[in-house]
Amino acid sequence: MGSLIVMDDDKMRGIVTERDYARKVIIKGRSSESTSVSEIMTTDVLTTSGLETVKECMEVMTERHIRHLPVVEDDRVIGMISIGDLVQAIIADQQEEIDQLGSYISG
């Protein structure tokens, strides 16, 4: 797991990623035992409602250089997608299109 959503009861407070840990703990020589998650988490979290397309999510994640996107519906976190999830979805769509074209060509 490359990231975790930080919750306070039912409210998302932030997200902590491997990148946060590496940049704010390891590189700065801090101790894992004495550093709280709240000190290193990202609090300005980009989210998706789940209504955006795979392409739209991929564009946001690529432009903002993020690898995980929480899915929020009615102010509730219902899941999280990763850049890997999106790549797999794109590959599956392309394979389906290739298969359909192959069937069309072969008659």
C-alpha atoms as a PDB file:
ATOM      1  CA  MET A   1       0.000   0.000   0.000  1.00  0.00           C
ATOM      2  CA  GLY A   2       1.545   3.279  -1.103  1.00  0.00           C
ATOM      3  CA  SER A   3      -0.769   5.604   0.791  1.00  0.00           C
ATOM      4  CA  LEU A   4      -3.209   5.740   3.660  1.00  0.00           C
ATOM      5  CA  ILE A   5      -6.137   8.060   4.215  1.00  0.00           C
ATOM      6  CA  VAL A   6      -6.007   9.738   7.626  1.00  0.00           C
ATOM      7  CA  MET A   7      -9.455   9.821   9.186  1.00  0.00           C
ATOM      8  CA  ASP A   8     -10.909  11.458  12.283  1.00  0.00           C
ATOM      9  CA  ASP A   9     -14.164   9.623  12.886  1.00  0.00           C
ATOM     10  CA  ASP A  10     -15.875   9.852   9.476  1.00  0.00           C
ATOM     11  CA  LYS A  11     -13.970  12.921   8.237  1.00  0.00           C
ATOM     12  CA  MET A  12     -10.902  12.728   6.028  1.00  0.00           C
ATOM     13  CA  ARG A  13      -8.109  14.814   7.559  1.00  0.00           C
ATOM     14  CA  GLY A  14      -5.372  14.021   5.081  1.00  0.00           C
ATOM     15  CA  ILE A  15      -3.373  11.405   3.275  1.00  0.00           C
ATOM     16  CA  VAL A  16       0.058  10.028   4.076  1.00  0.00           C
ATOM     17  CA  THR A  17       2.099   8.472   1.297  1.00  0.00           C
ATOM     18  CA  GLU A  18       5.421   6.733   0.882  1.00  0.00           C
ATOM     19  CA  ARG A  19       6.610   9.976  -0.674  1.00  0.00           C
ATOM     20  CA  ASP A  20       5.550  11.958   2.420  1.00  0.00           C
ATOM     21  CA  TYR A  21       7.423   9.519   4.622  1.00  0.00           C
ATOM     22  CA  ALA A  22      10.547   9.557   2.464  1.00  0.00           C
ATOM     23  CA  ARG A  23      10.671  13.357   2.128  1.00  0.00           C
ATOM     24  CA  LYS A  24       9.640  14.337   5.633  1.00  0.00           C
ATOM     25  CA  VAL A  25      11.129  11.573   7.771  1.00  0.00           C
ATOM     26  CA  ILE A  26      13.924   9.666   6.033  1.00  0.00           C
ATOM     27  CA  ILE A  27      15.579  12.515   4.112  1.00  0.00           C
ATOM     28  CA  LYS A  28      15.367  14.874   7.096  1.00  0.00           C
ATOM     29  CA  GLY A  29      16.837  12.235   9.388  1.00  0.00           C
ATOM     30  CA  ARG A  30      13.826  12.194  11.693  1.00  0.00           C
ATOM     31  CA  SER A  31      12.798   9.247  13.808  1.00  0.00           C
ATOM     32  CA  SER A  32       9.747   7.207  12.807  1.00  0.00           C
ATOM     33  CA  GLU A  33       8.988   6.567  16.459  1.00  0.00           C
ATOM     34  CA  SER A  34       8.838  10.262  17.386  1.00  0.00           C
ATOM     35  CA  THR A  35       7.217  11.652  14.235  1.00  0.00           C
ATOM     36  CA  SER A  36       3.428  11.700  14.184  1.00  0.00           C
ATOM     37  CA  VAL A  37       1.422  11.082  11.040  1.00  0.00           C
ATOM     38  CA  SER A  38      -0.142  14.544  11.391  1.00  0.00           C
ATOM     39  CA  GLU A  39       3.325  16.077  11.015  1.00  0.00           C
ATOM     40  CA  ILE A  40       3.978  14.475   7.643  1.00  0.00           C
ATOM     41  CA  MET A  41       0.552  13.957   6.049  1.00  0.00           C
ATOM     42  CA  THR A  42      -0.744  16.010   3.152  1.00  0.00           C
ATOM     43  CA  THR A  43      -3.832  17.927   4.246  1.00  0.00           C
ATOM     44  CA  ASP A  44      -4.804  19.543   0.931  1.00  0.00           C
ATOM     45  CA  VAL A  45      -6.015  16.308  -0.653  1.00  0.00           C
ATOM     46  CA  LEU A  46      -7.300  16.096  -4.209  1.00  0.00           C
ATOM     47  CA  THR A  47     -10.271  13.754  -4.529  1.00  0.00           C
ATOM     48  CA  THR A  48     -12.647  12.394  -7.131  1.00  0.00           C
ATOM     49  CA  SER A  49     -16.362  11.870  -6.819  1.00  0.00           C
ATOM     50  CA  GLY A  50     -16.258   8.699  -8.844  1.00  0.00           C
ATOM     51  CA  LEU A  51     -18.180  10.413 -11.635  1.00  0.00           C
ATOM     52  CA  GLU A  52     -15.015  11.479 -13.444  1.00  0.00           C
ATOM     53  CA  THR A  53     -13.764   9.299 -16.259  1.00  0.00           C
ATOM     54  CA  VAL A  54     -10.582   7.245 -16.134  1.00  0.00           C
ATOM     55  CA  LYS A  55      -9.052   9.760 -18.540  1.00  0.00           C
ATOM     56  CA  GLU A  56     -10.008  12.740 -16.356  1.00  0.00           C
ATOM     57  CA  CYS A  57      -8.557  11.101 -13.246  1.00  0.00           C
ATOM     58  CA  MET A  58      -5.385  10.180 -15.139  1.00  0.00           C
ATOM     59  CA  GLU A  59      -4.987  13.784 -16.320  1.00  0.00           C
ATOM     60  CA  VAL A  60      -5.370  15.159 -12.775  1.00  0.00           C
ATOM     61  CA  MET A  61      -2.954  12.641 -11.311  1.00  0.00           C
ATOM     62  CA  THR A  62      -0.386  13.190 -14.052  1.00  0.00           C
ATOM     63  CA  GLU A  63      -0.585  16.996 -13.915  1.00  0.00           C
ATOM     64  CA  ARG A  64      -0.376  17.095 -10.108  1.00  0.00           C
ATOM     65  CA  HIS A  65       2.233  14.303  -9.837  1.00  0.00           C
ATOM     66  CA  ILE A  66       0.161  12.214  -7.442  1.00  0.00           C
ATOM     67  CA  ARG A  67      -0.284   8.448  -7.406  1.00  0.00           C
ATOM     68  CA  HIS A  68      -3.399   8.036  -5.268  1.00  0.00           C
ATOM     69  CA  LEU A  69      -6.802   9.690  -5.421  1.00  0.00           C
ATOM     70  CA  PRO A  70      -9.417   9.189  -2.696  1.00  0.00           C
ATOM     71  CA  VAL A  71     -12.977   8.680  -3.926  1.00  0.00           C
ATOM     72  CA  VAL A  72     -15.429  10.820  -1.944  1.00  0.00           C
ATOM     73  CA  GLU A  73     -19.210  10.735  -2.182  1.00  0.00           C
ATOM     74  CA  ASP A  74     -21.466  12.933  -0.021  1.00  0.00           C
ATOM     75  CA  ASP A  75     -18.444  13.908   2.132  1.00  0.00           C
ATOM     76  CA  ARG A  76     -17.712  10.222   2.813  1.00  0.00           C
ATOM     77  CA  VAL A  77     -14.595   8.417   1.672  1.00  0.00           C
ATOM     78  CA  ILE A  78     -15.749   5.353  -0.238  1.00  0.00           C
ATOM     79  CA  GLY A  79     -12.439   4.203  -1.688  1.00  0.00           C
ATOM     80  CA  MET A  80      -9.166   5.118  -3.291  1.00  0.00           C
ATOM     81  CA  ILE A  81      -7.792   4.647  -6.783  1.00  0.00           C
ATOM     82  CA  SER A  82      -4.155   4.487  -7.752  1.00  0.00           C
ATOM     83  CA  ILE A  83      -2.366   5.357 -10.943  1.00  0.00           C
ATOM     84  CA  GLY A  84      -1.882   1.588 -11.377  1.00  0.00           C
ATOM     85  CA  ASP A  85      -5.653   1.062 -11.232  1.00  0.00           C
ATOM     86  CA  LEU A  86      -6.090   3.615 -14.009  1.00  0.00           C
ATOM     87  CA  VAL A  87      -3.350   2.100 -16.166  1.00  0.00           C
ATOM     88  CA  GLN A  88      -4.959  -1.339 -15.812  1.00  0.00           C
ATOM     89  CA  ALA A  89      -8.354   0.105 -16.821  1.00  0.00           C
ATOM     90  CA  ILE A  90      -6.844   1.786 -19.887  1.00  0.00           C
ATOM     91  CA  ILE A  91      -5.043  -1.419 -20.907  1.00  0.00           C
ATOM     92  CA  ALA A  92      -8.253  -3.443 -20.505  1.00  0.00           C
ATOM     93  CA  ASP A  93     -10.195  -0.937 -22.650  1.00  0.00           C
ATOM     94  CA  GLN A  94      -7.512  -0.995 -25.330  1.00  0.00           C
ATOM     95  CA  GLN A  95      -7.427  -4.801 -25.342  1.00  0.00           C
ATOM     96  CA  GLU A  96     -11.194  -4.919 -25.744  1.00  0.00           C
ATOM     97  CA  GLU A  97     -10.970  -2.510 -28.677  1.00  0.00           C
ATOM     98  CA  ILE A  98      -8.164  -4.572 -30.258  1.00  0.00           C
ATOM     99  CA  ASP A  99     -10.243  -7.743 -29.864  1.00  0.00           C
ATOM    100  CA  GLN A 100     -13.288  -6.077 -31.448  1.00  0.00           C
ATOM    101  CA  LEU A 101     -11.221  -4.778 -34.371  1.00  0.00           C
ATOM    102  CA  GLY A 102      -9.701  -8.226 -34.834  1.00  0.00           C
ATOM    103  CA  SER A 103     -13.161  -9.791 -34.936  1.00  0.00           C
ATOM    104  CA  TYR A 104     -14.370  -7.156 -37.402  1.00  0.00           C
ATOM    105  CA  ILE A 105     -11.376  -7.682 -39.720  1.00  0.00           C
ATOM    106  CA  SER A 106     -11.577 -11.471 -39.668  1.00  0.00           C
ATOM    107  CA  GLY A 107     -15.293 -11.299 -40.375  1.00  0.00           C
END
